[in-house]
Amino acid sequence: MQLEPRILFIRETGESPSPKGFRKIALFDVAFGDGFTAHDWRLVETPTGGVHAYAPDLKNGAKSADLAPAFRDLIADLAVKALGANLALHSTVAA
């Protein structure tokens, strides 16, 4: 079984940057293959303009998942593409 990630549902947060310059730009759900879906991942823009994906925190503040940086970057790239497609789908063009 392969765990190829797919972004299922993404929504903008519209949040302002934190005092340190990080900004949560979206929340999304990601499916890993056909048997596992993780909800409420965060897409965060860094002060340098980079974008990272983070699994949700547990209620006790601990991480819910640890991912290899390359795999986390792949998920972030997929989320950025999905967000762009979502924005294009819902935008209106003035005639």
C-alpha atoms as a PDB file:
ATOM      1  CA  MET A   1       0.000   0.000   0.000  1.00  0.00           C
ATOM      2  CA  GLN A   2       1.395   3.387  -0.979  1.00  0.00           C
ATOM      3  CA  LEU A   3       0.789   6.450   1.168  1.00  0.00           C
ATOM      4  CA  GLU A   4       0.633   9.005  -1.625  1.00  0.00           C
ATOM      5  CA  PRO A   5      -0.737  12.205  -0.015  1.00  0.00           C
ATOM      6  CA  ARG A   6      -3.738  14.027  -1.519  1.00  0.00           C
ATOM      7  CA  ILE A   7      -5.283  17.269  -0.302  1.00  0.00           C
ATOM      8  CA  LEU A   8      -9.007  16.714   0.172  1.00  0.00           C
ATOM      9  CA  PHE A   9     -10.355  19.973   1.549  1.00  0.00           C
ATOM     10  CA  ILE A  10      -8.563  23.288   2.011  1.00  0.00           C
ATOM     11  CA  ARG A  11      -9.827  26.562   3.394  1.00  0.00           C
ATOM     12  CA  GLU A  12      -8.139  29.918   3.885  1.00  0.00           C
ATOM     13  CA  THR A  13      -7.818  31.242   7.418  1.00  0.00           C
ATOM     14  CA  GLY A  14      -7.246  34.919   6.633  1.00  0.00           C
ATOM     15  CA  GLU A  15      -5.068  35.323   9.722  1.00  0.00           C
ATOM     16  CA  SER A  16      -2.586  38.129  10.270  1.00  0.00           C
ATOM     17  CA  PRO A  17       1.076  37.299  10.896  1.00  0.00           C
ATOM     18  CA  SER A  18       2.188  36.517  14.445  1.00  0.00           C
ATOM     19  CA  PRO A  19       4.600  38.885  16.219  1.00  0.00           C
ATOM     20  CA  LYS A  20       7.436  36.653  14.941  1.00  0.00           C
ATOM     21  CA  GLY A  21       6.157  36.905  11.348  1.00  0.00           C
ATOM     22  CA  PHE A  22       4.583  33.462  10.873  1.00  0.00           C
ATOM     23  CA  ARG A  23       1.134  33.400   9.280  1.00  0.00           C
ATOM     24  CA  LYS A  24      -1.329  30.507   9.142  1.00  0.00           C
ATOM     25  CA  ILE A  25      -2.763  30.813   5.650  1.00  0.00           C
ATOM     26  CA  ALA A  26      -4.947  27.717   5.453  1.00  0.00           C
ATOM     27  CA  LEU A  27      -6.256  24.598   7.148  1.00  0.00           C
ATOM     28  CA  PHE A  28      -6.589  21.407   5.155  1.00  0.00           C
ATOM     29  CA  ASP A  29      -7.318  17.692   5.286  1.00  0.00           C
ATOM     30  CA  VAL A  30      -4.858  15.272   3.749  1.00  0.00           C
ATOM     31  CA  ALA A  31      -5.431  11.649   2.746  1.00  0.00           C
ATOM     32  CA  PHE A  32      -2.566   9.177   2.774  1.00  0.00           C
ATOM     33  CA  GLY A  33      -3.620   6.504   0.323  1.00  0.00           C
ATOM     34  CA  ASP A  34      -7.136   5.129   0.606  1.00  0.00           C
ATOM     35  CA  GLY A  35      -7.034   4.108   4.245  1.00  0.00           C
ATOM     36  CA  PHE A  36      -6.048   7.147   6.292  1.00  0.00           C
ATOM     37  CA  THR A  37      -7.162  10.787   6.389  1.00  0.00           C
ATOM     38  CA  ALA A  38      -5.732  13.420   8.731  1.00  0.00           C
ATOM     39  CA  HIS A  39      -7.766  16.557   9.414  1.00  0.00           C
ATOM     40  CA  ASP A  40      -6.937  20.174  10.210  1.00  0.00           C
ATOM     41  CA  TRP A  41      -3.343  20.419   9.045  1.00  0.00           C
ATOM     42  CA  ARG A  42      -1.930  23.956   8.996  1.00  0.00           C
ATOM     43  CA  LEU A  43      -0.292  25.649   6.029  1.00  0.00           C
ATOM     44  CA  VAL A  44       2.028  28.307   7.463  1.00  0.00           C
ATOM     45  CA  GLU A  45       3.985  31.040   5.703  1.00  0.00           C
ATOM     46  CA  THR A  46       7.336  31.820   7.323  1.00  0.00           C
ATOM     47  CA  PRO A  47       8.853  35.295   7.737  1.00  0.00           C
ATOM     48  CA  THR A  48      11.233  34.515   4.844  1.00  0.00           C
ATOM     49  CA  GLY A  49       8.344  33.621   2.500  1.00  0.00           C
ATOM     50  CA  GLY A  50       8.664  29.845   2.752  1.00  0.00           C
ATOM     51  CA  VAL A  51       5.640  27.624   3.322  1.00  0.00           C
ATOM     52  CA  HIS A  52       5.437  24.658   5.685  1.00  0.00           C
ATOM     53  CA  ALA A  53       2.760  22.090   6.489  1.00  0.00           C
ATOM     54  CA  TYR A  54       2.178  21.070  10.103  1.00  0.00           C
ATOM     55  CA  ALA A  55       0.052  18.282  11.522  1.00  0.00           C
ATOM     56  CA  PRO A  56      -2.419  19.437  14.172  1.00  0.00           C
ATOM     57  CA  ASP A  57      -1.326  19.580  17.788  1.00  0.00           C
ATOM     58  CA  LEU A  58      -2.879  17.238  20.328  1.00  0.00           C
ATOM     59  CA  LYS A  59      -4.971  18.639  23.178  1.00  0.00           C
ATOM     60  CA  ASN A  60      -1.963  18.365  25.497  1.00  0.00           C
ATOM     61  CA  GLY A  61       0.130  20.484  23.091  1.00  0.00           C
ATOM     62  CA  ALA A  62       2.244  17.592  21.780  1.00  0.00           C
ATOM     63  CA  LYS A  63       2.720  16.990  18.051  1.00  0.00           C
ATOM     64  CA  SER A  64       0.270  14.548  16.497  1.00  0.00           C
ATOM     65  CA  ALA A  65       2.785  13.450  13.842  1.00  0.00           C
ATOM     66  CA  ASP A  66       6.477  13.630  12.981  1.00  0.00           C
ATOM     67  CA  LEU A  67       7.340  13.655   9.289  1.00  0.00           C
ATOM     68  CA  ALA A  68      10.575  13.672   7.372  1.00  0.00           C
ATOM     69  CA  PRO A  69      11.244  17.206   6.101  1.00  0.00           C
ATOM     70  CA  ALA A  70      11.052  16.130   2.436  1.00  0.00           C
ATOM     71  CA  PHE A  71       7.655  14.482   2.997  1.00  0.00           C
ATOM     72  CA  ARG A  72       6.385  17.512   4.938  1.00  0.00           C
ATOM     73  CA  ASP A  73       7.574  19.761   2.062  1.00  0.00           C
ATOM     74  CA  LEU A  74       5.724  17.575  -0.454  1.00  0.00           C
ATOM     75  CA  ILE A  75       2.512  17.988   1.545  1.00  0.00           C
ATOM     76  CA  ALA A  76       3.064  21.762   1.735  1.00  0.00           C
ATOM     77  CA  ASP A  77       3.581  21.939  -2.047  1.00  0.00           C
ATOM     78  CA  LEU A  78       0.379  19.962  -2.657  1.00  0.00           C
ATOM     79  CA  ALA A  79      -1.535  22.219  -0.255  1.00  0.00           C
ATOM     80  CA  VAL A  80      -0.256  25.392  -1.966  1.00  0.00           C
ATOM     81  CA  LYS A  81      -1.395  24.016  -5.341  1.00  0.00           C
ATOM     82  CA  ALA A  82      -4.781  23.020  -3.908  1.00  0.00           C
ATOM     83  CA  LEU A  83      -5.208  26.438  -2.307  1.00  0.00           C
ATOM     84  CA  GLY A  84      -4.434  28.139  -5.609  1.00  0.00           C
ATOM     85  CA  ALA A  85      -6.948  25.931  -7.431  1.00  0.00           C
ATOM     86  CA  ASN A  86      -9.537  26.565  -4.702  1.00  0.00           C
ATOM     87  CA  LEU A  87      -9.051  30.346  -4.952  1.00  0.00           C
ATOM     88  CA  ALA A  88      -9.285  30.242  -8.754  1.00  0.00           C
ATOM     89  CA  LEU A  89     -12.469  28.181  -8.550  1.00  0.00           C
ATOM     90  CA  HIS A  90     -14.159  30.600  -6.149  1.00  0.00           C
ATOM     91  CA  SER A  91     -12.908  33.911  -7.555  1.00  0.00           C
ATOM     92  CA  THR A  92     -15.089  36.179  -9.640  1.00  0.00           C
ATOM     93  CA  VAL A  93     -13.804  38.110 -12.625  1.00  0.00           C
ATOM     94  CA  ALA A  94     -15.253  41.538 -13.310  1.00  0.00           C
ATOM     95  CA  ALA A  95     -16.438  41.941 -16.874  1.00  0.00           C
END
